Amino acid sequence: MIFKFMVGEKSGTIRIYSVDTMKPVYSLSSINEATKEVAYPLLSFDWCQFSPECIVANTGTDIFLWNTSKSRYAV
């Protein structure tokens, strides 16, 4: 994750950018699976220091955990 940085939007979207190209390489949405609606506002987010493919975020009502190592797109 040295060459990437995250930007969180109040709308509940997290975008991960490449430092080299300054273009987004990954996007995550905080969608509540029960209601199928986007949970917002995004209050905080971070990736794990020891396992940067794990990203956690919290909104006003929900906590989200993504394991991007299982994704077909690299983070």
PDB file of N, CA and C in Angstrom:
ATOM      1  N   MET A   1       0.797  -1.188   0.000  1.00  0.00           N
ATOM      2  CA  MET A   1       0.000   0.000   0.000  1.00  0.00           C
ATOM      3  C   MET A   1       0.852   1.270   0.000  1.00  0.00           C
ATOM      4  N   ILE A   2       2.140   1.133  -0.124  1.00  0.00           N
ATOM      5  CA  ILE A   2       3.009   2.299  -0.108  1.00  0.00           C
ATOM      6  C   ILE A   2       2.696   3.227  -1.265  1.00  0.00           C
ATOM      7  N   PHE A   3       2.295   2.699  -2.389  1.00  0.00           N
ATOM      8  CA  PHE A   3       2.086   3.506  -3.584  1.00  0.00           C
ATOM      9  C   PHE A   3       0.617   3.816  -3.843  1.00  0.00           C
ATOM     10  N   LYS A   4      -0.206   3.687  -2.809  1.00  0.00           N
ATOM     11  CA  LYS A   4      -1.629   3.967  -2.950  1.00  0.00           C
ATOM     12  C   LYS A   4      -2.104   4.813  -1.777  1.00  0.00           C
ATOM     13  N   PHE A   5      -3.172   5.573  -2.002  1.00  0.00           N
ATOM     14  CA  PHE A   5      -3.783   6.322  -0.922  1.00  0.00           C
ATOM     15  C   PHE A   5      -5.294   6.281  -1.064  1.00  0.00           C
ATOM     16  N   MET A   6      -5.996   6.439   0.064  1.00  0.00           N
ATOM     17  CA  MET A   6      -7.448   6.357   0.078  1.00  0.00           C
ATOM     18  C   MET A   6      -8.068   7.729   0.310  1.00  0.00           C
ATOM     19  N   VAL A   7      -9.196   7.922  -0.349  1.00  0.00           N
ATOM     20  CA  VAL A   7      -9.988   9.127  -0.163  1.00  0.00           C
ATOM     21  C   VAL A   7     -11.413   8.679   0.124  1.00  0.00           C
ATOM     22  N   GLY A   8     -11.974   9.167   1.209  1.00  0.00           N
ATOM     23  CA  GLY A   8     -13.350   8.841   1.554  1.00  0.00           C
ATOM     24  C   GLY A   8     -14.258  10.011   1.255  1.00  0.00           C
ATOM     25  N   GLU A   9     -15.396   9.712   0.670  1.00  0.00           N
ATOM     26  CA  GLU A   9     -16.381  10.744   0.352  1.00  0.00           C
ATOM     27  C   GLU A   9     -17.524  10.674   1.353  1.00  0.00           C
ATOM     28  N   LYS A  10     -18.078  11.792   1.682  1.00  0.00           N
ATOM     29  CA  LYS A  10     -19.191  11.844   2.621  1.00  0.00           C
ATOM     30  C   LYS A  10     -20.341  10.951   2.150  1.00  0.00           C
ATOM     31  N   SER A  11     -20.437  10.753   0.842  1.00  0.00           N
ATOM     32  CA  SER A  11     -21.517   9.951   0.253  1.00  0.00           C
ATOM     33  C   SER A  11     -21.404   8.466   0.573  1.00  0.00           C
ATOM     34  N   GLY A  12     -20.303   8.023   1.187  1.00  0.00           N
ATOM     35  CA  GLY A  12     -20.138   6.621   1.536  1.00  0.00           C
ATOM     36  C   GLY A  12     -19.223   5.862   0.607  1.00  0.00           C
ATOM     37  N   THR A  13     -18.618   6.519  -0.353  1.00  0.00           N
ATOM     38  CA  THR A  13     -17.715   5.870  -1.300  1.00  0.00           C
ATOM     39  C   THR A  13     -16.266   6.087  -0.876  1.00  0.00           C
ATOM     40  N   ILE A  14     -15.468   5.023  -0.974  1.00  0.00           N
ATOM     41  CA  ILE A  14     -14.030   5.102  -0.711  1.00  0.00           C
ATOM     42  C   ILE A  14     -13.330   4.812  -2.028  1.00  0.00           C
ATOM     43  N   ARG A  15     -12.421   5.691  -2.415  1.00  0.00           N
ATOM     44  CA  ARG A  15     -11.647   5.487  -3.632  1.00  0.00           C
ATOM     45  C   ARG A  15     -10.176   5.334  -3.270  1.00  0.00           C
ATOM     46  N   ILE A  16      -9.534   4.365  -3.911  1.00  0.00           N
ATOM     47  CA  ILE A  16      -8.105   4.127  -3.702  1.00  0.00           C
ATOM     48  C   ILE A  16      -7.396   4.537  -4.978  1.00  0.00           C
ATOM     49  N   TYR A  17      -6.419   5.407  -4.825  1.00  0.00           N
ATOM     50  CA  TYR A  17      -5.687   5.968  -5.956  1.00  0.00           C
ATOM     51  C   TYR A  17      -4.261   5.461  -5.993  1.00  0.00           C
ATOM     52  N   SER A  18      -3.711   5.392  -7.191  1.00  0.00           N
ATOM     53  CA  SER A  18      -2.299   5.102  -7.387  1.00  0.00           C
ATOM     54  C   SER A  18      -1.524   6.397  -7.278  1.00  0.00           C
ATOM     55  N   VAL A  19      -0.457   6.394  -6.491  1.00  0.00           N
ATOM     56  CA  VAL A  19       0.382   7.583  -6.367  1.00  0.00           C
ATOM     57  C   VAL A  19       1.102   7.856  -7.689  1.00  0.00           C
ATOM     58  N   ASP A  20       1.480   6.818  -8.404  1.00  0.00           N
ATOM     59  CA  ASP A  20       2.207   6.980  -9.665  1.00  0.00           C
ATOM     60  C   ASP A  20       1.373   7.667 -10.738  1.00  0.00           C
ATOM     61  N   THR A  21       0.138   7.200 -10.918  1.00  0.00           N
ATOM     62  CA  THR A  21      -0.694   7.719 -12.008  1.00  0.00           C
ATOM     63  C   THR A  21      -1.699   8.772 -11.546  1.00  0.00           C
ATOM     64  N   MET A  22      -1.921   8.860 -10.231  1.00  0.00           N
ATOM     65  CA  MET A  22      -2.921   9.765  -9.653  1.00  0.00           C
ATOM     66  C   MET A  22      -4.331   9.471 -10.173  1.00  0.00           C
ATOM     67  N   LYS A  23      -4.566   8.214 -10.544  1.00  0.00           N
ATOM     68  CA  LYS A  23      -5.884   7.788 -11.020  1.00  0.00           C
ATOM     69  C   LYS A  23      -6.451   6.751 -10.061  1.00  0.00           C
ATOM     70  N   PRO A  24      -7.772   6.701  -9.937  1.00  0.00           N
ATOM     71  CA  PRO A  24      -8.362   5.694  -9.058  1.00  0.00           C
ATOM     72  C   PRO A  24      -8.152   4.295  -9.617  1.00  0.00           C
ATOM     73  N   VAL A  25      -7.812   3.361  -8.732  1.00  0.00           N
ATOM     74  CA  VAL A  25      -7.626   1.969  -9.134  1.00  0.00           C
ATOM     75  C   VAL A  25      -8.659   1.059  -8.486  1.00  0.00           C
ATOM     76  N   TYR A  26      -9.400   1.601  -7.526  1.00  0.00           N
ATOM     77  CA  TYR A  26     -10.355   0.786  -6.794  1.00  0.00           C
ATOM     78  C   TYR A  26     -11.398   1.693  -6.170  1.00  0.00           C
ATOM     79  N   SER A  27     -12.618   1.195  -6.055  1.00  0.00           N
ATOM     80  CA  SER A  27     -13.687   1.960  -5.437  1.00  0.00           C
ATOM     81  C   SER A  27     -14.536   1.022  -4.577  1.00  0.00           C
ATOM     82  N   LEU A  28     -14.894   1.467  -3.384  1.00  0.00           N
ATOM     83  CA  LEU A  28     -15.721   0.686  -2.472  1.00  0.00           C
ATOM     84  C   LEU A  28     -16.944   1.519  -2.094  1.00  0.00           C
ATOM     85  N   SER A  29     -18.093   0.864  -1.995  1.00  0.00           N
ATOM     86  CA  SER A  29     -19.317   1.563  -1.597  1.00  0.00           C
ATOM     87  C   SER A  29     -19.854   0.944  -0.316  1.00  0.00           C
ATOM     88  N   SER A  30     -20.348   1.776   0.563  1.00  0.00           N
ATOM     89  CA  SER A  30     -20.896   1.303   1.835  1.00  0.00           C
ATOM     90  C   SER A  30     -22.393   1.041   1.670  1.00  0.00           C
ATOM     91  N   ILE A  31     -22.697  -0.103   1.070  1.00  0.00           N
ATOM     92  CA  ILE A  31     -24.097  -0.472   0.823  1.00  0.00           C
ATOM     93  C   ILE A  31     -24.564  -1.428   1.916  1.00  0.00           C
ATOM     94  N   ASN A  32     -25.637  -1.053   2.595  1.00  0.00           N
ATOM     95  CA  ASN A  32     -26.228  -1.893   3.618  1.00  0.00           C
ATOM     96  C   ASN A  32     -26.938  -3.046   2.921  1.00  0.00           C
ATOM     97  N   GLU A  33     -26.498  -4.272   3.173  1.00  0.00           N
ATOM     98  CA  GLU A  33     -27.057  -5.444   2.483  1.00  0.00           C
ATOM     99  C   GLU A  33     -28.526  -5.682   2.828  1.00  0.00           C
ATOM    100  N   ALA A  34     -28.950  -5.300   4.014  1.00  0.00           N
ATOM    101  CA  ALA A  34     -30.341  -5.529   4.412  1.00  0.00           C
ATOM    102  C   ALA A  34     -31.296  -4.601   3.679  1.00  0.00           C
ATOM    103  N   THR A  35     -30.914  -3.334   3.539  1.00  0.00           N
ATOM    104  CA  THR A  35     -31.816  -2.364   2.914  1.00  0.00           C
ATOM    105  C   THR A  35     -31.468  -2.076   1.454  1.00  0.00           C
ATOM    106  N   LYS A  36     -30.280  -2.521   1.015  1.00  0.00           N
ATOM    107  CA  LYS A  36     -29.774  -2.274  -0.345  1.00  0.00           C
ATOM    108  C   LYS A  36     -29.601  -0.787  -0.635  1.00  0.00           C
ATOM    109  N   GLU A  37     -29.417   0.006   0.424  1.00  0.00           N
ATOM    110  CA  GLU A  37     -29.193   1.437   0.275  1.00  0.00           C
ATOM    111  C   GLU A  37     -27.784   1.790   0.727  1.00  0.00           C
ATOM    112  N   VAL A  38     -27.264   2.876   0.200  1.00  0.00           N
ATOM    113  CA  VAL A  38     -25.943   3.348   0.601  1.00  0.00           C
ATOM    114  C   VAL A  38     -26.049   3.948   1.999  1.00  0.00           C
ATOM    115  N   ALA A  39     -25.178   3.481   2.893  1.00  0.00           N
ATOM    116  CA  ALA A  39     -25.138   4.011   4.259  1.00  0.00           C
ATOM    117  C   ALA A  39     -24.190   5.201   4.278  1.00  0.00           C
ATOM    118  N   TYR A  40     -24.649   6.320   4.753  1.00  0.00           N
ATOM    119  CA  TYR A  40     -23.827   7.520   4.819  1.00  0.00           C
ATOM    120  C   TYR A  40     -24.315   8.368   5.988  1.00  0.00           C
ATOM    121  N   PRO A  41     -23.592   9.321   6.447  1.00  0.00           N
ATOM    122  CA  PRO A  41     -22.296   9.794   5.946  1.00  0.00           C
ATOM    123  C   PRO A  41     -21.162   8.883   6.406  1.00  0.00           C
ATOM    124  N   LEU A  42     -20.127   8.834   5.623  1.00  0.00           N
ATOM    125  CA  LEU A  42     -18.922   8.088   5.966  1.00  0.00           C
ATOM    126  C   LEU A  42     -18.192   8.876   7.043  1.00  0.00           C
ATOM    127  N   LEU A  43     -18.027   8.281   8.223  1.00  0.00           N
ATOM    128  CA  LEU A  43     -17.420   8.995   9.343  1.00  0.00           C
ATOM    129  C   LEU A  43     -15.920   8.743   9.459  1.00  0.00           C
ATOM    130  N   SER A  44     -15.497   7.497   9.226  1.00  0.00           N
ATOM    131  CA  SER A  44     -14.067   7.190   9.283  1.00  0.00           C
ATOM    132  C   SER A  44     -13.790   5.926   8.479  1.00  0.00           C
ATOM    133  N   PHE A  45     -12.525   5.746   8.099  1.00  0.00           N
ATOM    134  CA  PHE A  45     -12.113   4.575   7.337  1.00  0.00           C
ATOM    135  C   PHE A  45     -10.603   4.423   7.477  1.00  0.00           C
ATOM    136  N   ASP A  46     -10.121   3.186   7.308  1.00  0.00           N
ATOM    137  CA  ASP A  46      -8.682   2.923   7.389  1.00  0.00           C
ATOM    138  C   ASP A  46      -8.432   1.525   6.846  1.00  0.00           C
ATOM    139  N   TRP A  47      -7.165   1.264   6.501  1.00  0.00           N
ATOM    140  CA  TRP A  47      -6.798  -0.103   6.157  1.00  0.00           C
ATOM    141  C   TRP A  47      -5.880  -0.621   7.231  1.00  0.00           C
ATOM    142  N   CYS A  48      -5.827  -1.937   7.327  1.00  0.00           N
ATOM    143  CA  CYS A  48      -5.057  -2.599   8.371  1.00  0.00           C
ATOM    144  C   CYS A  48      -3.567  -2.421   8.100  1.00  0.00           C
ATOM    145  N   GLN A  49      -2.823  -2.079   9.134  1.00  0.00           N
ATOM    146  CA  GLN A  49      -1.388  -1.863   8.994  1.00  0.00           C
ATOM    147  C   GLN A  49      -0.666  -3.149   8.585  1.00  0.00           C
ATOM    148  N   PHE A  50      -1.108  -4.293   9.088  1.00  0.00           N
ATOM    149  CA  PHE A  50      -0.430  -5.554   8.819  1.00  0.00           C
ATOM    150  C   PHE A  50      -1.010  -6.309   7.638  1.00  0.00           C
ATOM    151  N   SER A  51      -2.197  -5.953   7.226  1.00  0.00           N
ATOM    152  CA  SER A  51      -2.868  -6.612   6.117  1.00  0.00           C
ATOM    153  C   SER A  51      -3.637  -5.561   5.331  1.00  0.00           C
ATOM    154  N   PRO A  52      -2.946  -4.762   4.507  1.00  0.00           N
ATOM    155  CA  PRO A  52      -3.579  -3.611   3.864  1.00  0.00           C
ATOM    156  C   PRO A  52      -4.698  -3.942   2.881  1.00  0.00           C
ATOM    157  N   GLU A  53      -4.906  -5.212   2.570  1.00  0.00           N
ATOM    158  CA  GLU A  53      -6.037  -5.541   1.711  1.00  0.00           C
ATOM    159  C   GLU A  53      -7.351  -5.547   2.499  1.00  0.00           C
ATOM    160  N   CYS A  54      -7.276  -5.435   3.822  1.00  0.00           N
ATOM    161  CA  CYS A  54      -8.469  -5.325   4.660  1.00  0.00           C
ATOM    162  C   CYS A  54      -8.733  -3.860   4.974  1.00  0.00           C
ATOM    163  N   ILE A  55      -9.932  -3.413   4.639  1.00  0.00           N
ATOM    164  CA  ILE A  55     -10.318  -2.023   4.825  1.00  0.00           C
ATOM    165  C   ILE A  55     -11.589  -1.992   5.662  1.00  0.00           C
ATOM    166  N   VAL A  56     -11.625  -1.095   6.626  1.00  0.00           N
ATOM    167  CA  VAL A  56     -12.791  -0.955   7.489  1.00  0.00           C
ATOM    168  C   VAL A  56     -13.277   0.490   7.439  1.00  0.00           C
ATOM    169  N   ALA A  57     -14.590   0.653   7.552  1.00  0.00           N
ATOM    170  CA  ALA A  57     -15.182   1.997   7.547  1.00  0.00           C
ATOM    171  C   ALA A  57     -16.412   1.990   8.440  1.00  0.00           C
ATOM    172  N   ASN A  58     -16.756   3.169   8.945  1.00  0.00           N
ATOM    173  CA  ASN A  58     -18.017   3.263   9.668  1.00  0.00           C
ATOM    174  C   ASN A  58     -18.795   4.490   9.221  1.00  0.00           C
ATOM    175  N   THR A  59     -20.105   4.307   9.237  1.00  0.00           N
ATOM    176  CA  THR A  59     -21.025   5.386   8.870  1.00  0.00           C
ATOM    177  C   THR A  59     -21.825   5.734  10.122  1.00  0.00           C
ATOM    178  N   GLY A  60     -22.839   6.515   9.962  1.00  0.00           N
ATOM    179  CA  GLY A  60     -23.670   6.873  11.107  1.00  0.00           C
ATOM    180  C   GLY A  60     -24.354   5.680  11.750  1.00  0.00           C
ATOM    181  N   THR A  61     -24.582   4.600  10.993  1.00  0.00           N
ATOM    182  CA  THR A  61     -25.337   3.459  11.515  1.00  0.00           C
ATOM    183  C   THR A  61     -24.672   2.105  11.320  1.00  0.00           C
ATOM    184  N   ASP A  62     -23.646   2.004  10.478  1.00  0.00           N
ATOM    185  CA  ASP A  62     -23.079   0.700  10.128  1.00  0.00           C
ATOM    186  C   ASP A  62     -21.552   0.698  10.203  1.00  0.00           C
ATOM    187  N   ILE A  63     -21.004  -0.518  10.350  1.00  0.00           N
ATOM    188  CA  ILE A  63     -19.562  -0.747  10.239  1.00  0.00           C
ATOM    189  C   ILE A  63     -19.357  -1.701   9.073  1.00  0.00           C
ATOM    190  N   PHE A  64     -18.413  -1.369   8.193  1.00  0.00           N
ATOM    191  CA  PHE A  64     -18.147  -2.174   6.999  1.00  0.00           C
ATOM    192  C   PHE A  64     -16.725  -2.695   7.036  1.00  0.00           C
ATOM    193  N   LEU A  65     -16.549  -3.927   6.574  1.00  0.00           N
ATOM    194  CA  LEU A  65     -15.227  -4.530   6.456  1.00  0.00           C
ATOM    195  C   LEU A  65     -15.133  -5.166   5.078  1.00  0.00           C
ATOM    196  N   TRP A  66     -14.120  -4.778   4.323  1.00  0.00           N
ATOM    197  CA  TRP A  66     -13.873  -5.343   3.000  1.00  0.00           C
ATOM    198  C   TRP A  66     -12.551  -6.079   3.020  1.00  0.00           C
ATOM    199  N   ASN A  67     -12.536  -7.263   2.438  1.00  0.00           N
ATOM    200  CA  ASN A  67     -11.297  -8.003   2.233  1.00  0.00           C
ATOM    201  C   ASN A  67     -11.044  -8.005   0.735  1.00  0.00           C
ATOM    202  N   THR A  68     -10.219  -7.092   0.281  1.00  0.00           N
ATOM    203  CA  THR A  68     -10.008  -6.919  -1.149  1.00  0.00           C
ATOM    204  C   THR A  68      -9.067  -7.954  -1.742  1.00  0.00           C
ATOM    205  N   SER A  69      -8.483  -8.822  -0.909  1.00  0.00           N
ATOM    206  CA  SER A  69      -7.609  -9.875  -1.452  1.00  0.00           C
ATOM    207  C   SER A  69      -8.416 -10.895  -2.243  1.00  0.00           C
ATOM    208  N   LYS A  70      -9.711 -10.973  -1.990  1.00  0.00           N
ATOM    209  CA  LYS A  70     -10.571 -11.910  -2.705  1.00  0.00           C
ATOM    210  C   LYS A  70     -11.189 -11.299  -3.951  1.00  0.00           C
ATOM    211  N   SER A  71     -10.812 -10.070  -4.241  1.00  0.00           N
ATOM    212  CA  SER A  71     -11.359  -9.367  -5.398  1.00  0.00           C
ATOM    213  C   SER A  71     -10.559  -9.704  -6.654  1.00  0.00           C
ATOM    214  N   ARG A  72     -11.188  -9.538  -7.775  1.00  0.00           N
ATOM    215  CA  ARG A  72     -10.458  -9.755  -9.033  1.00  0.00           C
ATOM    216  C   ARG A  72      -9.641  -8.541  -9.423  1.00  0.00           C
ATOM    217  N   TYR A  73      -9.825  -7.442  -8.690  1.00  0.00           N
ATOM    218  CA  TYR A  73      -9.060  -6.226  -8.941  1.00  0.00           C
ATOM    219  C   TYR A  73      -8.038  -6.024  -7.845  1.00  0.00           C
ATOM    220  N   ALA A  74      -6.841  -5.675  -8.189  1.00  0.00           N
ATOM    221  CA  ALA A  74      -5.798  -5.437  -7.196  1.00  0.00           C
ATOM    222  C   ALA A  74      -6.001  -4.085  -6.535  1.00  0.00           C
ATOM    223  N   VAL A  75      -5.651  -4.008  -5.274  1.00  0.00           N
ATOM    224  CA  VAL A  75      -5.732  -2.738  -4.554  1.00  0.00           C
ATOM    225  C   VAL A  75      -4.372  -2.110  -4.514  1.00  0.00           C
TER     226      VAL A  75
END
